[in-house]
C-alpha atoms as a PDB file:
ATOM      1  CA  MET A   1     -23.895  16.091 -24.285  1.00  0.00           C
ATOM      2  CA  ALA A   2     -24.229  17.163 -20.635  1.00  0.00           C
ATOM      3  CA  GLU A   3     -23.637  20.841 -20.001  1.00  0.00           C
ATOM      4  CA  LYS A   4     -20.354  21.546 -18.167  1.00  0.00           C
ATOM      5  CA  GLU A   5     -20.676  23.436 -14.906  1.00  0.00           C
ATOM      6  CA  ILE A   6     -18.359  26.253 -13.834  1.00  0.00           C
ATOM      7  CA  TYR A   7     -16.409  25.566 -10.602  1.00  0.00           C
ATOM      8  CA  ARG A   8     -14.206  28.011  -8.713  1.00  0.00           C
ATOM      9  CA  TYR A   9     -11.422  26.831  -6.413  1.00  0.00           C
ATOM     10  CA  THR A  10      -8.950  28.287  -3.955  1.00  0.00           C
ATOM     11  CA  ILE A  11      -5.861  26.640  -2.420  1.00  0.00           C
ATOM     12  CA  HIS A  12      -4.568  28.055   0.872  1.00  0.00           C
ATOM     13  CA  LYS A  13      -1.640  27.288   3.130  1.00  0.00           C
ATOM     14  CA  VAL A  14      -3.199  26.041   6.354  1.00  0.00           C
ATOM     15  CA  ALA A  15      -1.400  28.621   8.566  1.00  0.00           C
ATOM     16  CA  LEU A  16      -2.370  31.503   6.254  1.00  0.00           C
ATOM     17  CA  ARG A  17      -6.067  30.673   5.862  1.00  0.00           C
ATOM     18  CA  LYS A  18      -7.189  34.290   6.384  1.00  0.00           C
ATOM     19  CA  GLY A  19      -4.743  35.832   3.885  1.00  0.00           C
ATOM     20  CA  LYS A  20      -4.471  35.728   0.141  1.00  0.00           C
ATOM     21  CA  PRO A  21      -4.797  32.200  -1.356  1.00  0.00           C
ATOM     22  CA  LEU A  22      -1.727  30.520  -2.961  1.00  0.00           C
ATOM     23  CA  LYS A  23      -3.783  29.826  -6.054  1.00  0.00           C
ATOM     24  CA  LYS A  24      -7.301  30.465  -7.243  1.00  0.00           C
ATOM     25  CA  GLY A  25      -9.042  29.779 -10.490  1.00  0.00           C
ATOM     26  CA  GLU A  26     -12.029  28.628 -12.477  1.00  0.00           C
ATOM     27  CA  LEU A  27     -12.501  25.260 -14.196  1.00  0.00           C
ATOM     28  CA  ARG A  28     -15.288  23.646 -16.200  1.00  0.00           C
ATOM     29  CA  ALA A  29     -16.417  20.057 -15.724  1.00  0.00           C
ATOM     30  CA  LYS A  30     -19.515  17.841 -15.646  1.00  0.00           C
ATOM     31  CA  ASP A  31     -18.931  16.863 -12.003  1.00  0.00           C
ATOM     32  CA  ILE A  32     -17.111  18.255  -8.965  1.00  0.00           C
ATOM     33  CA  SER A  33     -15.150  14.995  -8.518  1.00  0.00           C
ATOM     34  CA  VAL A  34     -13.342  15.659 -11.799  1.00  0.00           C
ATOM     35  CA  ILE A  35     -12.177  19.061 -10.558  1.00  0.00           C
ATOM     36  CA  VAL A  36     -11.118  17.662  -7.145  1.00  0.00           C
ATOM     37  CA  LYS A  37      -9.023  14.905  -8.769  1.00  0.00           C
ATOM     38  CA  ARG A  38      -7.353  17.434 -11.067  1.00  0.00           C
ATOM     39  CA  ILE A  39      -6.457  19.698  -8.142  1.00  0.00           C
ATOM     40  CA  GLN A  40      -5.251  16.739  -6.024  1.00  0.00           C
ATOM     41  CA  ARG A  41      -2.891  15.709  -8.854  1.00  0.00           C
ATOM     42  CA  GLY A  42      -1.456  19.211  -8.855  1.00  0.00           C
ATOM     43  CA  ILE A  43      -0.915  19.569  -5.076  1.00  0.00           C
ATOM     44  CA  LYS A  44       0.122  15.998  -4.198  1.00  0.00           C
ATOM     45  CA  LYS A  45       3.903  16.574  -4.480  1.00  0.00           C
ATOM     46  CA  VAL A  46       3.773  19.876  -2.570  1.00  0.00           C
ATOM     47  CA  VAL A  47       2.020  18.136   0.353  1.00  0.00           C
ATOM     48  CA  THR A  48       3.932  14.810   0.392  1.00  0.00           C
ATOM     49  CA  LYS A  49       7.455  15.865  -0.655  1.00  0.00           C
ATOM     50  CA  ARG A  50       7.722  19.473   0.618  1.00  0.00           C
ATOM     51  CA  HIS A  51       5.495  18.809   3.668  1.00  0.00           C
ATOM     52  CA  ILE A  52       3.343  21.935   3.249  1.00  0.00           C
ATOM     53  CA  PRO A  53      -0.232  21.312   4.467  1.00  0.00           C
ATOM     54  CA  LEU A  54      -2.825  22.825   2.100  1.00  0.00           C
ATOM     55  CA  LEU A  55      -6.528  23.568   2.319  1.00  0.00           C
ATOM     56  CA  VAL A  56      -8.619  23.129  -0.848  1.00  0.00           C
ATOM     57  CA  TYR A  57     -12.011  24.696  -1.361  1.00  0.00           C
ATOM     58  CA  VAL A  58     -14.051  24.032  -4.538  1.00  0.00           C
ATOM     59  CA  TYR A  59     -17.594  25.277  -5.208  1.00  0.00           C
ATOM     60  CA  ASN A  60     -20.099  25.534  -8.055  1.00  0.00           C
ATOM     61  CA  VAL A  61     -20.704  29.134  -9.235  1.00  0.00           C
ATOM     62  CA  ASN A  62     -24.446  28.513  -9.775  1.00  0.00           C
ATOM     63  CA  ASP A  63     -25.111  26.252  -6.764  1.00  0.00           C
ATOM     64  CA  LYS A  64     -23.174  26.975  -3.567  1.00  0.00           C
ATOM     65  CA  LYS A  65     -24.340  23.701  -1.953  1.00  0.00           C
ATOM     66  CA  ASP A  66     -22.344  21.740  -4.548  1.00  0.00           C
ATOM     67  CA  SER A  67     -19.005  22.341  -2.844  1.00  0.00           C
ATOM     68  CA  PHE A  68     -15.946  20.460  -1.499  1.00  0.00           C
ATOM     69  CA  ARG A  69     -13.541  21.441   1.284  1.00  0.00           C
ATOM     70  CA  LYS A  70     -10.624  19.388   2.596  1.00  0.00           C
ATOM     71  CA  GLN A  71      -7.291  19.858   4.325  1.00  0.00           C
ATOM     72  CA  TYR A  72      -4.331  17.815   3.003  1.00  0.00           C
ATOM     73  CA  ASP A  73      -1.613  17.174   5.597  1.00  0.00           C
ATOM     74  CA  ASP A  74       0.106  14.009   4.421  1.00  0.00           C
ATOM     75  CA  LYS A  75      -0.064  11.175   1.860  1.00  0.00           C
ATOM     76  CA  HIS A  76      -2.893   9.424   3.745  1.00  0.00           C
ATOM     77  CA  ASP A  77      -5.289  12.215   2.761  1.00  0.00           C
ATOM     78  CA  PHE A  78      -4.890  11.180  -0.885  1.00  0.00           C
ATOM     79  CA  LYS A  79      -5.987   7.586  -0.268  1.00  0.00           C
ATOM     80  CA  THR A  80      -9.352   8.076  -1.987  1.00  0.00           C
ATOM     81  CA  PHE A  81      -7.500   9.380  -5.039  1.00  0.00           C
ATOM     82  CA  LYS A  82      -5.703   6.032  -5.674  1.00  0.00           C
ATOM     83  CA  LYS A  83      -7.072   3.905  -8.481  1.00  0.00           C
ATOM     84  CA  PRO A  84      -7.470   0.148  -8.087  1.00  0.00           C
ATOM     85  CA  ALA A  85      -5.266  -2.123 -10.195  1.00  0.00           C
ATOM     86  CA  LYS A  86      -6.589  -2.954 -13.695  1.00  0.00           C
ATOM     87  CA  TRP A  87      -6.739  -6.712 -13.050  1.00  0.00           C
ATOM     88  CA  ARG A  88      -8.703  -6.139  -9.830  1.00  0.00           C
ATOM     89  CA  LYS A  89     -11.204  -3.917 -11.658  1.00  0.00           C
ATOM     90  CA  ALA A  90     -11.629  -6.472 -14.441  1.00  0.00           C
ATOM     91  CA  LEU A  91     -12.103  -9.222 -11.870  1.00  0.00           C
ATOM     92  CA  SER A  92     -14.731  -7.315  -9.892  1.00  0.00           C
ATOM     93  CA  ARG A  93     -16.643  -6.459 -13.104  1.00  0.00           C
ATOM     94  CA  LYS A  94     -16.691 -10.137 -14.096  1.00  0.00           C
ATOM     95  CA  ALA A  95     -17.853 -11.087 -10.636  1.00  0.00           C
ATOM     96  CA  LYS A  96     -20.485  -8.329 -10.559  1.00  0.00           C
ATOM     97  CA  PHE A  97     -22.046  -8.502 -14.027  1.00  0.00           C
ATOM     98  CA  SER A  98     -21.440 -12.039 -15.255  1.00  0.00           C
ATOM     99  CA  ARG A  99     -24.389 -14.414 -15.070  1.00  0.00           C
ATOM    100  CA  THR A 100     -22.146 -17.454 -15.330  1.00  0.00           C
ATOM    101  CA  PHE A 101     -19.531 -16.421 -12.726  1.00  0.00           C
ATOM    102  CA  ASP A 102     -19.764 -18.702  -9.717  1.00  0.00           C
ATOM    103  CA  PRO A 103     -17.827 -17.345  -6.695  1.00  0.00           C
ATOM    104  CA  GLN A 104     -17.491 -20.844  -5.140  1.00  0.00           C
ATOM    105  CA  PRO A 105     -13.831 -21.946  -5.109  1.00  0.00           C
ATOM    106  CA  LYS A 106     -13.276 -24.550  -7.832  1.00  0.00           C
ATOM    107  CA  GLN A 107      -9.629 -25.030  -8.644  1.00  0.00           C
ATOM    108  CA  TRP A 108      -6.606 -25.883  -6.513  1.00  0.00           C
ATOM    109  CA  PHE A 109      -3.477 -23.760  -6.657  1.00  0.00           C
ATOM    110  CA  VAL A 110      -0.188 -23.627  -4.768  1.00  0.00           C
ATOM    111  CA  GLN A 111       0.706 -20.091  -3.669  1.00  0.00           C
ATOM    112  CA  VAL A 112       4.358 -19.122  -3.170  1.00  0.00           C
ATOM    113  CA  ALA A 113       4.614 -16.572  -0.366  1.00  0.00           C
ATOM    114  CA  LYS A 114       7.358 -13.984   0.329  1.00  0.00           C
ATOM    115  CA  LYS A 115       9.697 -16.329   2.183  1.00  0.00           C
ATOM    116  CA  LYS A 116       9.150 -19.188  -0.313  1.00  0.00           C
ATOM    117  CA  GLN A 117       6.517 -20.959   1.853  1.00  0.00           C
ATOM    118  CA  LEU A 118       4.099 -23.045  -0.156  1.00  0.00           C
ATOM    119  CA  ILE A 119       0.431 -22.583   0.662  1.00  0.00           C
ATOM    120  CA  LEU A 120      -2.426 -24.712  -0.680  1.00  0.00           C
ATOM    121  CA  THR A 121      -5.313 -22.492  -1.891  1.00  0.00           C
ATOM    122  CA  GLN A 122      -8.585 -23.031  -3.693  1.00  0.00           C
ATOM    123  CA  LEU A 123      -9.758 -20.263  -6.016  1.00  0.00           C
ATOM    124  CA  ALA A 124     -12.816 -19.633  -8.142  1.00  0.00           C
ATOM    125  CA  TYR A 125     -10.862 -17.553 -10.626  1.00  0.00           C
ATOM    126  CA  GLU A 126      -9.907 -19.095 -13.923  1.00  0.00           C
ATOM    127  CA  PRO A 127      -6.535 -18.296 -15.550  1.00  0.00           C
ATOM    128  CA  ALA A 128      -7.964 -18.829 -19.071  1.00  0.00           C
ATOM    129  CA  LYS A 129     -10.241 -15.811 -18.486  1.00  0.00           C
ATOM    130  CA  GLY A 130      -7.422 -13.777 -16.958  1.00  0.00           C
ATOM    131  CA  THR A 131      -9.209 -13.580 -13.624  1.00  0.00           C
ATOM    132  CA  LEU A 132      -6.672 -15.377 -11.467  1.00  0.00           C
ATOM    133  CA  LEU A 133      -6.036 -13.371  -8.318  1.00  0.00           C
ATOM    134  CA  ARG A 134      -2.393 -12.267  -8.409  1.00  0.00           C
ATOM    135  CA  ARG A 135      -0.988 -10.273  -5.547  1.00  0.00           C
ATOM    136  CA  LYS A 136       2.234  -8.358  -5.453  1.00  0.00           C
ATOM    137  CA  ARG A 137       5.221 -10.722  -4.891  1.00  0.00           C
ATOM    138  CA  LYS A 138       2.889 -13.709  -4.760  1.00  0.00           C
ATOM    139  CA  LYS A 139       3.165 -16.385  -7.394  1.00  0.00           C
ATOM    140  CA  MET A 140       0.552 -19.026  -8.244  1.00  0.00           C
ATOM    141  CA  ILE A 141       1.413 -22.511  -9.461  1.00  0.00           C
ATOM    142  CA  GLY A 142      -1.424 -24.494 -10.991  1.00  0.00           C
ATOM    143  CA  PRO A 143      -4.272 -25.156 -11.442  1.00  0.00           C
ATOM    144  CA  PHE A 144      -4.102 -28.785 -10.235  1.00  0.00           C
ATOM    145  CA  PRO A 145      -6.829 -31.314 -11.094  1.00  0.00           C
ATOM    146  CA  ASP A 146      -7.566 -32.094  -7.442  1.00  0.00           C
ATOM    147  CA  GLU A 147      -6.408 -31.456  -3.880  1.00  0.00           C
ATOM    148  CA  ALA A 148      -4.335 -34.673  -3.743  1.00  0.00           C
ATOM    149  CA  ALA A 149      -2.273 -33.614  -6.779  1.00  0.00           C
ATOM    150  CA  ALA A 150      -1.561 -30.191  -5.242  1.00  0.00           C
ATOM    151  CA  LYS A 151      -0.559 -31.727  -1.882  1.00  0.00           C
ATOM    152  CA  SER A 152       1.760 -34.237  -3.599  1.00  0.00           C
ATOM    153  CA  PHE A 153       3.410 -31.330  -5.472  1.00  0.00           C
ATOM    154  CA  ILE A 154       4.081 -29.499  -2.182  1.00  0.00           C
ATOM    155  CA  GLU A 155       5.472 -32.687  -0.616  1.00  0.00           C
ATOM    156  CA  ARG A 156       7.824 -33.270  -3.584  1.00  0.00           C
ATOM    157  CA  VAL A 157       9.131 -29.684  -3.438  1.00  0.00           C
ATOM    158  CA  GLU A 158       9.700 -29.868   0.318  1.00  0.00           C
ATOM    159  CA  GLN A 159      11.460 -33.221  -0.019  1.00  0.00           C
ATOM    160  CA  LYS A 160      13.814 -31.690  -2.646  1.00  0.00           C
ATOM    161  CA  ARG A 161      14.504 -28.780  -0.309  1.00  0.00           C
ATOM    162  CA  GLU A 162      15.382 -31.132   2.532  1.00  0.00           C
ATOM    163  CA  GLU A 163      17.794 -32.997   0.255  1.00  0.00           C
ATOM    164  CA  LEU A 164      19.468 -29.746  -0.780  1.00  0.00           C
ATOM    165  CA  TYR A 165      19.752 -28.389   2.742  1.00  0.00           C
ATOM    166  CA  ALA A 166      20.417 -31.664   4.566  1.00  0.00           C
ATOM    167  CA  PRO A 167      22.913 -31.252   7.431  1.00  0.00           C
ATOM    168  CA  ARG A 168      26.352 -32.118   6.131  1.00  0.00           C
ATOM    169  CA  GLU A 169      29.005 -34.011   8.039  1.00  0.00           C
ATOM    170  CA  TYR A 170      32.227 -32.056   8.283  1.00  0.00           C
ATOM    171  CA  LYS A 171      35.555 -33.830   8.824  1.00  0.00           C
ATOM    172  CA  GLN A 172      38.391 -31.974  10.405  1.00  0.00           C
ATOM    173  CA  SER A 173      41.297 -31.995   7.986  1.00  0.00           C
ATOM    174  CA  ARG A 174      44.700 -32.826   9.460  1.00  0.00           C
ATOM    175  CA  ARG A 175      48.150 -32.278   8.078  1.00  0.00           C
ATOM    176  CA  TYR A 176      50.150 -35.479   7.878  1.00  0.00           C
ATOM    177  CA  LYS A 177      52.350 -35.861  10.955  1.00  0.00           C
ATOM    178  CA  GLY A 178      52.940 -39.552  10.759  1.00  0.00           C
ATOM    179  CA  PRO A 179      50.530 -42.363  11.520  1.00  0.00           C
ATOM    180  CA  MET A 180      47.761 -41.591  14.020  1.00  0.00           C
ATOM    181  CA  LEU A 181      48.091 -43.610  17.167  1.00  0.00           C
ATOM    182  CA  PRO A 182      45.323 -44.408  19.589  1.00  0.00           C
ATOM    183  CA  ASP A 183      45.346 -42.281  22.764  1.00  0.00           C
ATOM    184  CA  ASP A 184      47.564 -43.717  25.463  1.00  0.00           C
ATOM    185  CA  PRO A 185      45.589 -43.669  28.767  1.00  0.00           C
ATOM    186  CA  THR A 186      48.832 -43.673  30.873  1.00  0.00           C
ATOM    187  CA  LYS A 187      49.982 -40.281  29.545  1.00  0.00           C
ATOM    188  CA  ARG A 188      47.025 -38.381  31.008  1.00  0.00           C
END
């Protein structure tokens, strides 16, 4: 088991950098990144919700060169802290380490976009393996055996839509006031 290093940290308000720190302490971990993530988790709400900019300083007790210093002003400073989605990680691992994974697009899918547009796409990812690329609010229909089948599916859906939203003819209703007579051109 790797020996855990001792790291000291201080958290300052940016305006009061010279004065006493808001918080200081000592933590043990194998790597400085573990400590930084732990501190970020603790200060994220203070920075983003209460809008108090903070300065974080972390250093190794035994080796001063192993240190980290960063100012957190808004949520964009925490971008590196965000983890990728599980399906994306699994997909990249399959693409990276698999000897059989071929990145060339193989199968045809129809993608449903935000405003219900239908887009024809070709993907290398196979749904049986759970590697189909799914984005937020984007739905995939397929796979189709070939491009012609996917195009015919899109055409059928669009034809149904046109039938549903075809312009209707509206007749003006009229209360019965006796028989309608043709306009008399002499009365104009």
